[in-house]
PDB file of N, CA and C in Angstrom:
ATOM      1  N   MET A   1       0.295  -0.990   0.000  1.00  0.00           N
ATOM      2  CA  MET A   1       0.194   0.240   0.397  1.00  0.00           C
ATOM      3  C   MET A   1       0.860   1.326   0.190  1.00  0.00           C
ATOM      4  N   GLY A   2       2.047   1.345   0.921  1.00  0.00           N
ATOM      5  CA  GLY A   2       2.860   2.204   0.734  1.00  0.00           C
ATOM      6  C   GLY A   2       2.725   3.143   1.863  1.00  0.00           C
ATOM      7  N   TYR A   3       3.359   4.057   2.039  1.00  0.00           N
ATOM      8  CA  TYR A   3       3.510   4.998   3.389  1.00  0.00           C
ATOM      9  C   TYR A   3       2.842   6.310   3.155  1.00  0.00           C
ATOM     10  N   LEU A   4       1.459   6.703   3.914  1.00  0.00           N
ATOM     11  CA  LEU A   4       0.539   7.702   3.314  1.00  0.00           C
ATOM     12  C   LEU A   4       1.039   9.210   4.169  1.00  0.00           C
ATOM     13  N   SER A   5       0.479   9.512   3.884  1.00  0.00           N
ATOM     14  CA  SER A   5       0.953  11.232   4.669  1.00  0.00           C
ATOM     15  C   SER A   5      -0.936  12.067   4.411  1.00  0.00           C
ATOM     16  N   ASP A   6      -0.727  13.017   5.429  1.00  0.00           N
ATOM     17  CA  ASP A   6      -1.900  13.860   4.980  1.00  0.00           C
ATOM     18  C   ASP A   6      -0.618  15.023   4.565  1.00  0.00           C
ATOM     19  N   VAL A   7      -1.578  15.724   3.608  1.00  0.00           N
ATOM     20  CA  VAL A   7      -0.513  17.432   2.972  1.00  0.00           C
ATOM     21  C   VAL A   7      -1.475  18.547   2.818  1.00  0.00           C
ATOM     22  N   GLY A   8      -1.372  19.447   3.345  1.00  0.00           N
ATOM     23  CA  GLY A   8      -1.771  20.252   2.928  1.00  0.00           C
ATOM     24  C   GLY A   8      -0.989  21.558   2.175  1.00  0.00           C
ATOM     25  N   ILE A   9      -1.218  22.761   1.244  1.00  0.00           N
ATOM     26  CA  ILE A   9      -0.452  23.125   0.985  1.00  0.00           C
ATOM     27  C   ILE A   9      -1.661  24.459   0.667  1.00  0.00           C
ATOM     28  N   CYS A  10      -1.093  25.872   0.977  1.00  0.00           N
ATOM     29  CA  CYS A  10      -1.852  27.016   0.831  1.00  0.00           C
ATOM     30  C   CYS A  10      -1.049  27.839   0.587  1.00  0.00           C
ATOM     31  N   LEU A  11      -1.555  28.397  -1.059  1.00  0.00           N
ATOM     32  CA  LEU A  11      -0.894  29.586  -1.474  1.00  0.00           C
ATOM     33  C   LEU A  11      -1.605  31.186  -1.207  1.00  0.00           C
ATOM     34  N   SER A  12      -0.657  31.846  -1.864  1.00  0.00           N
ATOM     35  CA  SER A  12      -0.948  33.234  -1.802  1.00  0.00           C
ATOM     36  C   SER A  12      -1.531  33.626  -3.022  1.00  0.00           C
ATOM     37  N   ALA A  13      -2.440  34.465  -3.230  1.00  0.00           N
ATOM     38  CA  ALA A  13      -2.510  34.794  -4.679  1.00  0.00           C
ATOM     39  C   ALA A  13      -1.512  35.107  -5.416  1.00  0.00           C
ATOM     40  N   LYS A  14      -0.452  35.007  -5.317  1.00  0.00           N
ATOM     41  CA  LYS A  14       0.725  35.067  -6.055  1.00  0.00           C
ATOM     42  C   LYS A  14       1.313  33.817  -6.287  1.00  0.00           C
ATOM     43  N   GLY A  15       1.548  32.931  -5.481  1.00  0.00           N
ATOM     44  CA  GLY A  15       1.530  31.681  -5.597  1.00  0.00           C
ATOM     45  C   GLY A  15       0.535  31.040  -6.444  1.00  0.00           C
ATOM     46  N   LYS A  16      -0.484  31.151  -6.403  1.00  0.00           N
ATOM     47  CA  LYS A  16      -1.655  30.472  -7.059  1.00  0.00           C
ATOM     48  C   LYS A  16      -1.558  30.762  -8.662  1.00  0.00           C
ATOM     49  N   GLU A  17      -1.331  31.963  -8.901  1.00  0.00           N
ATOM     50  CA  GLU A  17      -0.619  33.067  -9.915  1.00  0.00           C
ATOM     51  C   GLU A  17       0.443  32.411 -10.776  1.00  0.00           C
ATOM     52  N   ALA A  18       1.617  31.410  -9.852  1.00  0.00           N
ATOM     53  CA  ALA A  18       2.553  31.089 -10.602  1.00  0.00           C
ATOM     54  C   ALA A  18       2.289  29.493 -10.934  1.00  0.00           C
ATOM     55  N   LEU A  19       1.427  28.476  -9.918  1.00  0.00           N
ATOM     56  CA  LEU A  19       0.934  27.530 -10.278  1.00  0.00           C
ATOM     57  C   LEU A  19      -0.103  27.255 -11.409  1.00  0.00           C
ATOM     58  N   ASP A  20      -0.967  28.496 -11.502  1.00  0.00           N
ATOM     59  CA  ASP A  20      -1.758  28.589 -12.746  1.00  0.00           C
ATOM     60  C   ASP A  20      -0.996  28.576 -14.226  1.00  0.00           C
ATOM     61  N   ALA A  21       0.860  29.443 -13.891  1.00  0.00           N
ATOM     62  CA  ALA A  21       1.272  29.641 -15.319  1.00  0.00           C
ATOM     63  C   ALA A  21       2.132  28.353 -15.286  1.00  0.00           C
ATOM     64  N   ALA A  22       2.329  27.856 -13.920  1.00  0.00           N
ATOM     65  CA  ALA A  22       2.868  25.977 -14.227  1.00  0.00           C
ATOM     66  C   ALA A  22       2.119  25.239 -14.759  1.00  0.00           C
ATOM     67  N   LEU A  23       1.165  25.463 -14.380  1.00  0.00           N
ATOM     68  CA  LEU A  23       0.126  24.342 -14.945  1.00  0.00           C
ATOM     69  C   LEU A  23      -0.234  24.558 -16.820  1.00  0.00           C
ATOM     70  N   ALA A  24      -0.450  25.571 -17.116  1.00  0.00           N
ATOM     71  CA  ALA A  24      -0.538  25.891 -18.539  1.00  0.00           C
ATOM     72  C   ALA A  24       1.143  25.661 -19.129  1.00  0.00           C
ATOM     73  N   GLU A  25       2.013  25.719 -18.378  1.00  0.00           N
ATOM     74  CA  GLU A  25       3.193  25.264 -19.214  1.00  0.00           C
ATOM     75  C   GLU A  25       3.343  24.064 -19.246  1.00  0.00           C
ATOM     76  N   ALA A  26       2.379  23.316 -18.451  1.00  0.00           N
ATOM     77  CA  ALA A  26       2.963  21.692 -18.282  1.00  0.00           C
ATOM     78  C   ALA A  26       1.773  20.960 -19.072  1.00  0.00           C
ATOM     79  N   LYS A  27       0.755  21.593 -19.336  1.00  0.00           N
ATOM     80  CA  LYS A  27       0.042  21.217 -20.203  1.00  0.00           C
ATOM     81  C   LYS A  27       0.247  21.159 -21.970  1.00  0.00           C
ATOM     82  N   LYS A  28       1.557  22.287 -22.133  1.00  0.00           N
ATOM     83  CA  LYS A  28       1.573  22.305 -23.434  1.00  0.00           C
ATOM     84  C   LYS A  28       2.817  21.559 -23.707  1.00  0.00           C
ATOM     85  N   ILE A  29       3.897  20.891 -22.699  1.00  0.00           N
ATOM     86  CA  ILE A  29       4.959  20.307 -22.771  1.00  0.00           C
ATOM     87  C   ILE A  29       5.371  19.148 -22.031  1.00  0.00           C
ATOM     88  N   ASN A  30       4.123  18.807 -20.907  1.00  0.00           N
ATOM     89  CA  ASN A  30       4.529  17.288 -20.283  1.00  0.00           C
ATOM     90  C   ASN A  30       3.627  16.537 -20.133  1.00  0.00           C
ATOM     91  N   GLU A  31       3.830  15.455 -20.373  1.00  0.00           N
ATOM     92  CA  GLU A  31       3.079  14.251 -21.092  1.00  0.00           C
ATOM     93  C   GLU A  31       2.087  13.706 -19.298  1.00  0.00           C
ATOM     94  N   HIS A  32       3.059  14.424 -18.874  1.00  0.00           N
ATOM     95  CA  HIS A  32       2.404  13.909 -17.097  1.00  0.00           C
ATOM     96  C   HIS A  32       1.361  14.784 -16.791  1.00  0.00           C
ATOM     97  N   PHE A  33       0.837  16.185 -17.794  1.00  0.00           N
ATOM     98  CA  PHE A  33      -0.230  16.656 -17.192  1.00  0.00           C
ATOM     99  C   PHE A  33      -1.451  15.849 -16.569  1.00  0.00           C
ATOM    100  N   SER A  34      -1.827  15.296 -17.207  1.00  0.00           N
ATOM    101  CA  SER A  34      -2.936  14.477 -16.695  1.00  0.00           C
ATOM    102  C   SER A  34      -3.096  13.989 -15.237  1.00  0.00           C
ATOM    103  N   VAL A  35      -1.706  13.640 -15.058  1.00  0.00           N
ATOM    104  CA  VAL A  35      -1.388  13.089 -13.665  1.00  0.00           C
ATOM    105  C   VAL A  35      -1.616  13.896 -12.483  1.00  0.00           C
ATOM    106  N   ILE A  36      -0.826  15.291 -12.915  1.00  0.00           N
ATOM    107  CA  ILE A  36      -0.607  16.369 -12.097  1.00  0.00           C
ATOM    108  C   ILE A  36      -2.375  17.340 -11.551  1.00  0.00           C
ATOM    109  N   GLN A  37      -2.947  17.109 -12.883  1.00  0.00           N
ATOM    110  CA  GLN A  37      -4.370  18.035 -12.825  1.00  0.00           C
ATOM    111  C   GLN A  37      -5.107  16.934 -12.215  1.00  0.00           C
ATOM    112  N   ALA A  38      -4.973  15.222 -11.921  1.00  0.00           N
ATOM    113  CA  ALA A  38      -5.197  14.640 -11.116  1.00  0.00           C
ATOM    114  C   ALA A  38      -4.896  14.868  -9.866  1.00  0.00           C
ATOM    115  N   LEU A  39      -3.990  15.029  -9.268  1.00  0.00           N
ATOM    116  CA  LEU A  39      -3.556  15.161  -8.184  1.00  0.00           C
ATOM    117  C   LEU A  39      -3.961  16.352  -7.512  1.00  0.00           C
ATOM    118  N   LEU A  40      -4.147  16.908  -8.149  1.00  0.00           N
ATOM    119  CA  LEU A  40      -4.989  18.200  -7.689  1.00  0.00           C
ATOM    120  C   LEU A  40      -6.495  18.238  -7.236  1.00  0.00           C
ATOM    121  N   ASP A  41      -6.452  17.318  -8.689  1.00  0.00           N
ATOM    122  CA  ASP A  41      -8.706  17.306  -8.138  1.00  0.00           C
ATOM    123  C   ASP A  41      -9.024  16.470  -7.095  1.00  0.00           C
ATOM    124  N   LYS A  42      -7.462  15.840  -6.768  1.00  0.00           N
ATOM    125  CA  LYS A  42      -7.892  14.724  -6.423  1.00  0.00           C
ATOM    126  C   LYS A  42      -7.818  15.397  -4.295  1.00  0.00           C
ATOM    127  N   ALA A  43      -7.716  16.000  -4.647  1.00  0.00           N
ATOM    128  CA  ALA A  43      -7.637  17.233  -2.986  1.00  0.00           C
ATOM    129  C   ALA A  43      -8.981  16.811  -2.486  1.00  0.00           C
ATOM    130  N   ALA A  44      -8.894  16.121  -0.729  1.00  0.00           N
ATOM    131  CA  ALA A  44      -9.996  16.096   0.081  1.00  0.00           C
ATOM    132  C   ALA A  44     -10.780  17.934  -0.040  1.00  0.00           C
ATOM    133  N   VAL A  45      -9.984  18.554   0.072  1.00  0.00           N
ATOM    134  CA  VAL A  45     -10.549  20.242   0.136  1.00  0.00           C
ATOM    135  C   VAL A  45      -9.714  20.821  -0.396  1.00  0.00           C
ATOM    136  N   ARG A  46     -10.498  21.562  -1.348  1.00  0.00           N
ATOM    137  CA  ARG A  46     -10.254  22.757  -2.302  1.00  0.00           C
ATOM    138  C   ARG A  46     -10.915  24.413  -1.850  1.00  0.00           C
ATOM    139  N   ILE A  47     -10.451  24.911  -1.360  1.00  0.00           N
ATOM    140  CA  ILE A  47     -10.834  26.006  -1.059  1.00  0.00           C
ATOM    141  C   ILE A  47     -10.133  27.250  -1.560  1.00  0.00           C
ATOM    142  N   ALA A  48     -10.964  28.655  -1.281  1.00  0.00           N
ATOM    143  CA  ALA A  48     -10.280  29.844  -1.959  1.00  0.00           C
ATOM    144  C   ALA A  48     -10.636  30.864  -0.919  1.00  0.00           C
ATOM    145  N   ALA A  49      -9.854  32.071  -0.776  1.00  0.00           N
ATOM    146  CA  ALA A  49     -10.539  33.433  -0.301  1.00  0.00           C
ATOM    147  C   ALA A  49     -10.534  34.247  -1.550  1.00  0.00           C
ATOM    148  N   ASP A  50     -11.499  35.335  -0.707  1.00  0.00           N
ATOM    149  CA  ASP A  50     -11.531  36.232  -1.860  1.00  0.00           C
ATOM    150  C   ASP A  50     -10.250  37.340  -1.928  1.00  0.00           C
ATOM    151  N   ASP A  51      -9.105  37.164  -1.740  1.00  0.00           N
ATOM    152  CA  ASP A  51      -8.027  37.743  -1.790  1.00  0.00           C
ATOM    153  C   ASP A  51      -7.148  36.862  -2.845  1.00  0.00           C
ATOM    154  N   GLY A  52      -7.812  35.996  -3.256  1.00  0.00           N
ATOM    155  CA  GLY A  52      -7.288  35.110  -4.230  1.00  0.00           C
ATOM    156  C   GLY A  52      -6.289  33.938  -3.640  1.00  0.00           C
ATOM    157  N   THR A  53      -6.041  33.917  -2.323  1.00  0.00           N
ATOM    158  CA  THR A  53      -5.684  32.567  -1.754  1.00  0.00           C
ATOM    159  C   THR A  53      -6.376  31.290  -2.058  1.00  0.00           C
ATOM    160  N   VAL A  54      -5.394  30.273  -2.104  1.00  0.00           N
ATOM    161  CA  VAL A  54      -5.786  28.974  -2.441  1.00  0.00           C
ATOM    162  C   VAL A  54      -5.441  27.774  -1.393  1.00  0.00           C
ATOM    163  N   ALA A  55      -6.627  26.605  -1.039  1.00  0.00           N
ATOM    164  CA  ALA A  55      -5.458  25.466  -0.304  1.00  0.00           C
ATOM    165  C   ALA A  55      -6.037  24.505  -0.772  1.00  0.00           C
ATOM    166  N   TYR A  56      -5.009  23.629  -0.610  1.00  0.00           N
ATOM    167  CA  TYR A  56      -5.370  22.171  -1.166  1.00  0.00           C
ATOM    168  C   TYR A  56      -5.591  21.218   0.082  1.00  0.00           C
ATOM    169  N   HIS A  57      -5.626  19.886   0.341  1.00  0.00           N
ATOM    170  CA  HIS A  57      -5.147  19.156   1.253  1.00  0.00           C
ATOM    171  C   HIS A  57      -5.947  17.967   1.170  1.00  0.00           C
ATOM    172  N   TRP A  58      -4.715  16.844   1.166  1.00  0.00           N
ATOM    173  CA  TRP A  58      -5.247  15.720   0.600  1.00  0.00           C
ATOM    174  C   TRP A  58      -5.027  14.865   2.178  1.00  0.00           C
ATOM    175  N   GLU A  59      -5.773  14.053   2.188  1.00  0.00           N
ATOM    176  CA  GLU A  59      -5.757  12.783   3.371  1.00  0.00           C
ATOM    177  C   GLU A  59      -4.929  11.530   2.714  1.00  0.00           C
ATOM    178  N   TYR A  60      -4.454  10.709   3.453  1.00  0.00           N
ATOM    179  CA  TYR A  60      -3.855   9.249   3.081  1.00  0.00           C
ATOM    180  C   TYR A  60      -3.187   9.504   1.876  1.00  0.00           C
ATOM    181  N   LEU A  61      -2.369   9.775   1.399  1.00  0.00           N
ATOM    182  CA  LEU A  61      -1.789  10.365   0.009  1.00  0.00           C
ATOM    183  C   LEU A  61      -0.054   9.506  -0.080  1.00  0.00           C
ATOM    184  N   GLN A  62       0.016   8.589  -1.028  1.00  0.00           N
ATOM    185  CA  GLN A  62       1.510   8.925  -0.928  1.00  0.00           C
ATOM    186  C   GLN A  62       1.990   9.662  -1.635  1.00  0.00           C
ATOM    187  N   TRP A  63       2.831  10.537  -1.089  1.00  0.00           N
ATOM    188  CA  TRP A  63       3.824  11.702  -1.276  1.00  0.00           C
ATOM    189  C   TRP A  63       5.070  11.314  -1.615  1.00  0.00           C
ATOM    190  N   TYR A  64       5.495  10.718  -2.845  1.00  0.00           N
ATOM    191  CA  TYR A  64       6.565  10.826  -2.931  1.00  0.00           C
ATOM    192  C   TYR A  64       7.501  11.254  -4.212  1.00  0.00           C
ATOM    193  N   ALA A  65       8.063  12.411  -3.846  1.00  0.00           N
ATOM    194  CA  ALA A  65       8.860  12.836  -4.530  1.00  0.00           C
ATOM    195  C   ALA A  65       9.080  12.201  -6.475  1.00  0.00           C
ATOM    196  N   ASP A  66       9.683  11.198  -6.474  1.00  0.00           N
ATOM    197  CA  ASP A  66       9.467  10.645  -8.056  1.00  0.00           C
ATOM    198  C   ASP A  66       7.817  10.435  -8.327  1.00  0.00           C
ATOM    199  N   TYR A  67       7.239  10.690  -7.896  1.00  0.00           N
ATOM    200  CA  TYR A  67       5.972  10.804  -8.444  1.00  0.00           C
ATOM    201  C   TYR A  67       5.390  11.892  -9.429  1.00  0.00           C
ATOM    202  N   SER A  68       4.921  11.981 -10.528  1.00  0.00           N
ATOM    203  CA  SER A  68       5.348  13.263 -11.568  1.00  0.00           C
ATOM    204  C   SER A  68       4.458  14.599 -10.624  1.00  0.00           C
ATOM    205  N   GLY A  69       3.514  14.294 -10.350  1.00  0.00           N
ATOM    206  CA  GLY A  69       2.420  15.044  -9.443  1.00  0.00           C
ATOM    207  C   GLY A  69       3.231  16.064  -8.511  1.00  0.00           C
ATOM    208  N   VAL A  70       3.470  15.211  -7.585  1.00  0.00           N
ATOM    209  CA  VAL A  70       4.510  15.657  -6.457  1.00  0.00           C
ATOM    210  C   VAL A  70       5.829  16.108  -6.809  1.00  0.00           C
ATOM    211  N   SER A  71       6.047  15.819  -7.629  1.00  0.00           N
ATOM    212  CA  SER A  71       7.855  16.628  -8.199  1.00  0.00           C
ATOM    213  C   SER A  71       7.599  17.781  -8.358  1.00  0.00           C
ATOM    214  N   PHE A  72       6.241  17.968  -9.470  1.00  0.00           N
ATOM    215  CA  PHE A  72       5.257  19.026  -9.992  1.00  0.00           C
ATOM    216  C   PHE A  72       5.297  20.384  -9.198  1.00  0.00           C
ATOM    217  N   ILE A  73       4.931  19.780  -8.042  1.00  0.00           N
ATOM    218  CA  ILE A  73       4.096  20.574  -7.036  1.00  0.00           C
ATOM    219  C   ILE A  73       5.540  21.204  -5.959  1.00  0.00           C
ATOM    220  N   GLU A  74       6.256  19.948  -5.962  1.00  0.00           N
ATOM    221  CA  GLU A  74       7.500  20.347  -4.883  1.00  0.00           C
ATOM    222  C   GLU A  74       8.496  21.399  -6.060  1.00  0.00           C
ATOM    223  N   ASN A  75       8.403  20.925  -6.940  1.00  0.00           N
ATOM    224  CA  ASN A  75       9.314  22.238  -7.497  1.00  0.00           C
ATOM    225  C   ASN A  75       8.872  23.460  -7.909  1.00  0.00           C
ATOM    226  N   LEU A  76       7.571  23.390  -7.928  1.00  0.00           N
ATOM    227  CA  LEU A  76       6.517  24.734  -8.278  1.00  0.00           C
ATOM    228  C   LEU A  76       7.238  25.662  -6.790  1.00  0.00           C
ATOM    229  N   LEU A  77       6.940  24.658  -5.370  1.00  0.00           N
ATOM    230  CA  LEU A  77       7.195  25.306  -4.055  1.00  0.00           C
ATOM    231  C   LEU A  77       8.355  26.277  -3.995  1.00  0.00           C
ATOM    232  N   ASN A  78       9.677  24.998  -4.586  1.00  0.00           N
ATOM    233  CA  ASN A  78      11.129  25.799  -4.656  1.00  0.00           C
ATOM    234  C   ASN A  78      10.964  26.910  -5.394  1.00  0.00           C
ATOM    235  N   THR A  79       9.859  27.366  -6.269  1.00  0.00           N
ATOM    236  CA  THR A  79      10.467  28.610  -6.904  1.00  0.00           C
ATOM    237  C   THR A  79      10.000  30.030  -6.064  1.00  0.00           C
ATOM    238  N   LEU A  80       8.938  29.879  -4.941  1.00  0.00           N
ATOM    239  CA  LEU A  80       8.032  30.234  -4.396  1.00  0.00           C
ATOM    240  C   LEU A  80       9.082  31.005  -3.452  1.00  0.00           C
ATOM    241  N   ASP A  81       8.504  32.444  -3.501  1.00  0.00           N
ATOM    242  CA  ASP A  81       9.297  33.357  -2.020  1.00  0.00           C
ATOM    243  C   ASP A  81       8.761  32.327  -0.597  1.00  0.00           C
ATOM    244  N   ASP A  82       9.120  32.336  -0.106  1.00  0.00           N
ATOM    245  CA  ASP A  82       8.528  31.400   1.550  1.00  0.00           C
ATOM    246  C   ASP A  82       7.400  32.376   2.407  1.00  0.00           C
ATOM    247  N   ASP A  83       6.805  33.727   1.783  1.00  0.00           N
ATOM    248  CA  ASP A  83       5.710  34.479   2.457  1.00  0.00           C
ATOM    249  C   ASP A  83       4.615  33.788   1.287  1.00  0.00           C
ATOM    250  N   ASP A  84       4.530  33.336   0.032  1.00  0.00           N
ATOM    251  CA  ASP A  84       3.821  33.295  -0.774  1.00  0.00           C
ATOM    252  C   ASP A  84       3.014  31.971  -0.884  1.00  0.00           C
ATOM    253  N   TYR A  85       4.061  30.824   0.290  1.00  0.00           N
ATOM    254  CA  TYR A  85       3.263  29.225   0.318  1.00  0.00           C
ATOM    255  C   TYR A  85       3.238  28.839   1.737  1.00  0.00           C
ATOM    256  N   LEU A  86       2.466  28.158   2.185  1.00  0.00           N
ATOM    257  CA  LEU A  86       2.599  27.085   3.217  1.00  0.00           C
ATOM    258  C   LEU A  86       2.470  25.765   2.857  1.00  0.00           C
ATOM    259  N   PHE A  87       3.397  24.740   3.227  1.00  0.00           N
ATOM    260  CA  PHE A  87       3.418  23.611   3.402  1.00  0.00           C
ATOM    261  C   PHE A  87       3.412  22.607   4.341  1.00  0.00           C
ATOM    262  N   ILE A  88       3.000  21.641   4.448  1.00  0.00           N
ATOM    263  CA  ILE A  88       2.741  20.898   5.952  1.00  0.00           C
ATOM    264  C   ILE A  88       2.456  19.221   5.103  1.00  0.00           C
ATOM    265  N   ARG A  89       3.378  18.376   5.460  1.00  0.00           N
ATOM    266  CA  ARG A  89       2.843  16.925   5.439  1.00  0.00           C
ATOM    267  C   ARG A  89       3.164  16.408   6.566  1.00  0.00           C
ATOM    268  N   VAL A  90       2.361  15.487   7.051  1.00  0.00           N
ATOM    269  CA  VAL A  90       2.248  14.976   8.498  1.00  0.00           C
ATOM    270  C   VAL A  90       1.928  13.049   7.879  1.00  0.00           C
ATOM    271  N   GLY A  91       3.573  12.442   8.314  1.00  0.00           N
ATOM    272  CA  GLY A  91       3.262  11.357   7.337  1.00  0.00           C
ATOM    273  C   GLY A  91       2.657  10.264   8.637  1.00  0.00           C
ATOM    274  N   GLU A  92       2.549   8.761   8.802  1.00  0.00           N
ATOM    275  CA  GLU A  92       2.344   8.213   9.541  1.00  0.00           C
ATOM    276  C   GLU A  92       3.000   7.835  10.695  1.00  0.00           C
ATOM    277  N   SER A  93       4.087   7.823  10.929  1.00  0.00           N
ATOM    278  CA  SER A  93       4.945   7.745  11.940  1.00  0.00           C
ATOM    279  C   SER A  93       5.009   8.793  12.924  1.00  0.00           C
ATOM    280  N   ASP A  94       5.008   8.869  14.398  1.00  0.00           N
ATOM    281  CA  ASP A  94       4.881   9.755  15.467  1.00  0.00           C
ATOM    282  C   ASP A  94       6.476  11.130  14.893  1.00  0.00           C
ATOM    283  N   GLY A  95       6.396  12.308  14.869  1.00  0.00           N
ATOM    284  CA  GLY A  95       7.560  12.967  14.642  1.00  0.00           C
ATOM    285  C   GLY A  95       7.710  13.130  13.511  1.00  0.00           C
ATOM    286  N   ASP A  96       6.928  12.431  12.430  1.00  0.00           N
ATOM    287  CA  ASP A  96       7.502  12.790  10.759  1.00  0.00           C
ATOM    288  C   ASP A  96       6.348  13.742  10.035  1.00  0.00           C
ATOM    289  N   THR A  97       6.846  15.200  10.229  1.00  0.00           N
ATOM    290  CA  THR A  97       6.053  16.228  10.329  1.00  0.00           C
ATOM    291  C   THR A  97       7.103  17.204   9.436  1.00  0.00           C
ATOM    292  N   GLU A  98       6.583  17.783   8.005  1.00  0.00           N
ATOM    293  CA  GLU A  98       7.373  18.393   7.450  1.00  0.00           C
ATOM    294  C   GLU A  98       6.781  19.798   7.060  1.00  0.00           C
ATOM    295  N   TYR A  99       7.254  20.983   7.251  1.00  0.00           N
ATOM    296  CA  TYR A  99       6.730  22.529   7.109  1.00  0.00           C
ATOM    297  C   TYR A  99       7.707  22.590   6.425  1.00  0.00           C
ATOM    298  N   GLN A 100       7.161  23.645   5.213  1.00  0.00           N
ATOM    299  CA  GLN A 100       8.019  24.477   4.247  1.00  0.00           C
ATOM    300  C   GLN A 100       7.382  25.669   3.810  1.00  0.00           C
ATOM    301  N   GLY A 101       7.764  26.654   4.086  1.00  0.00           N
ATOM    302  CA  GLY A 101       7.571  28.187   3.792  1.00  0.00           C
ATOM    303  C   GLY A 101       6.883  28.989   4.789  1.00  0.00           C
ATOM    304  N   GLU A 102       6.059  29.915   4.494  1.00  0.00           N
ATOM    305  CA  GLU A 102       6.378  30.964   5.925  1.00  0.00           C
ATOM    306  C   GLU A 102       5.101  31.792   5.619  1.00  0.00           C
ATOM    307  N   PHE A 103       3.780  31.105   5.108  1.00  0.00           N
ATOM    308  CA  PHE A 103       2.407  31.851   4.904  1.00  0.00           C
ATOM    309  C   PHE A 103       1.893  31.485   6.271  1.00  0.00           C
ATOM    310  N   TRP A 104       2.205  31.588   7.673  1.00  0.00           N
ATOM    311  CA  TRP A 104       1.358  30.767   8.387  1.00  0.00           C
ATOM    312  C   TRP A 104       0.031  31.811   8.707  1.00  0.00           C
ATOM    313  N   ASN A 105       0.502  33.015   8.279  1.00  0.00           N
ATOM    314  CA  ASN A 105      -0.721  34.101   8.478  1.00  0.00           C
ATOM    315  C   ASN A 105      -1.475  34.131   7.251  1.00  0.00           C
ATOM    316  N   ASN A 106      -2.318  32.921   7.041  1.00  0.00           N
ATOM    317  CA  ASN A 106      -3.295  33.028   5.730  1.00  0.00           C
ATOM    318  C   ASN A 106      -4.588  33.024   6.163  1.00  0.00           C
ATOM    319  N   PRO A 107      -5.507  33.724   5.048  1.00  0.00           N
ATOM    320  CA  PRO A 107      -6.621  33.771   5.219  1.00  0.00           C
ATOM    321  C   PRO A 107      -8.083  32.509   5.525  1.00  0.00           C
ATOM    322  N   LEU A 108      -6.974  31.312   4.737  1.00  0.00           N
ATOM    323  CA  LEU A 108      -7.880  30.682   5.488  1.00  0.00           C
ATOM    324  C   LEU A 108      -7.722  29.782   6.745  1.00  0.00           C
ATOM    325  N   GLY A 109      -6.366  30.428   7.595  1.00  0.00           N
ATOM    326  CA  GLY A 109      -6.299  29.377   8.536  1.00  0.00           C
ATOM    327  C   GLY A 109      -5.584  28.156   8.458  1.00  0.00           C
ATOM    328  N   MET A 110      -5.107  27.974   7.564  1.00  0.00           N
ATOM    329  CA  MET A 110      -4.606  26.725   7.398  1.00  0.00           C
ATOM    330  C   MET A 110      -3.267  26.475   8.603  1.00  0.00           C
ATOM    331  N   GLY A 111      -3.489  25.712   8.790  1.00  0.00           N
ATOM    332  CA  GLY A 111      -1.857  25.154  10.239  1.00  0.00           C
ATOM    333  C   GLY A 111      -2.427  23.810  10.531  1.00  0.00           C
ATOM    334  N   LEU A 112      -0.904  23.586  11.307  1.00  0.00           N
ATOM    335  CA  LEU A 112      -1.368  22.264  12.047  1.00  0.00           C
ATOM    336  C   LEU A 112      -1.589  22.095  13.356  1.00  0.00           C
ATOM    337  N   ALA A 113      -2.349  21.417  14.048  1.00  0.00           N
ATOM    338  CA  ALA A 113      -3.499  21.368  15.031  1.00  0.00           C
ATOM    339  C   ALA A 113      -2.993  19.896  15.664  1.00  0.00           C
ATOM    340  N   ARG A 114      -2.112  20.538  16.926  1.00  0.00           N
ATOM    341  CA  ARG A 114      -1.854  19.067  17.786  1.00  0.00           C
ATOM    342  C   ARG A 114      -2.523  18.718  19.318  1.00  0.00           C
ATOM    343  N   GLY A 115      -3.149  18.396  19.408  1.00  0.00           N
ATOM    344  CA  GLY A 115      -3.498  17.835  21.127  1.00  0.00           C
ATOM    345  C   GLY A 115      -3.800  16.640  21.469  1.00  0.00           C
ATOM    346  N   ILE A 116      -3.952  16.258  22.550  1.00  0.00           N
ATOM    347  CA  ILE A 116      -4.846  15.330  23.585  1.00  0.00           C
ATOM    348  C   ILE A 116      -6.050  14.844  23.540  1.00  0.00           C
ATOM    349  N   ALA A 117      -6.260  13.864  23.158  1.00  0.00           N
ATOM    350  CA  ALA A 117      -7.788  13.135  23.527  1.00  0.00           C
ATOM    351  C   ALA A 117      -7.733  12.011  24.178  1.00  0.00           C
ATOM    352  N   PHE A 118      -8.926  11.955  24.355  1.00  0.00           N
ATOM    353  CA  PHE A 118      -9.322  10.705  25.341  1.00  0.00           C
ATOM    354  C   PHE A 118     -10.762   9.948  25.045  1.00  0.00           C
ATOM    355  N   ASP A 119     -10.362   8.204  24.384  1.00  0.00           N
ATOM    356  CA  ASP A 119     -11.488   7.667  24.184  1.00  0.00           C
ATOM    357  C   ASP A 119     -12.086   7.361  25.650  1.00  0.00           C
ATOM    358  N   ALA A 120     -12.580   7.893  26.221  1.00  0.00           N
ATOM    359  CA  ALA A 120     -13.738   7.068  27.507  1.00  0.00           C
ATOM    360  C   ALA A 120     -14.856   7.882  27.447  1.00  0.00           C
TER     361      ALA A 120
END
């Protein structure tokens, strides 16, 4: 089955413009465009704010850098200013949490919540 992660990406309006431009370019030249588009469409949550901010959230996803959709997104994020995106990946293992970007004060309120729960 593979190692699964929950992944959230929040892009500022500038980050969303960069995503749209990269998607348009990929559609012209990338034979994996359908895989890239399918990954974005597969997001459990896709929301947008009035200012152009967008967020995507995937649950139970195999987030491997050698997958074409994942590598497309990771390459895009590497081109953005830190203030234009927030990437959070939470893996199955305790302590396997990855953060990139600094768009913490985003209007959609995307962030990482940790807590203690009781099943009683």
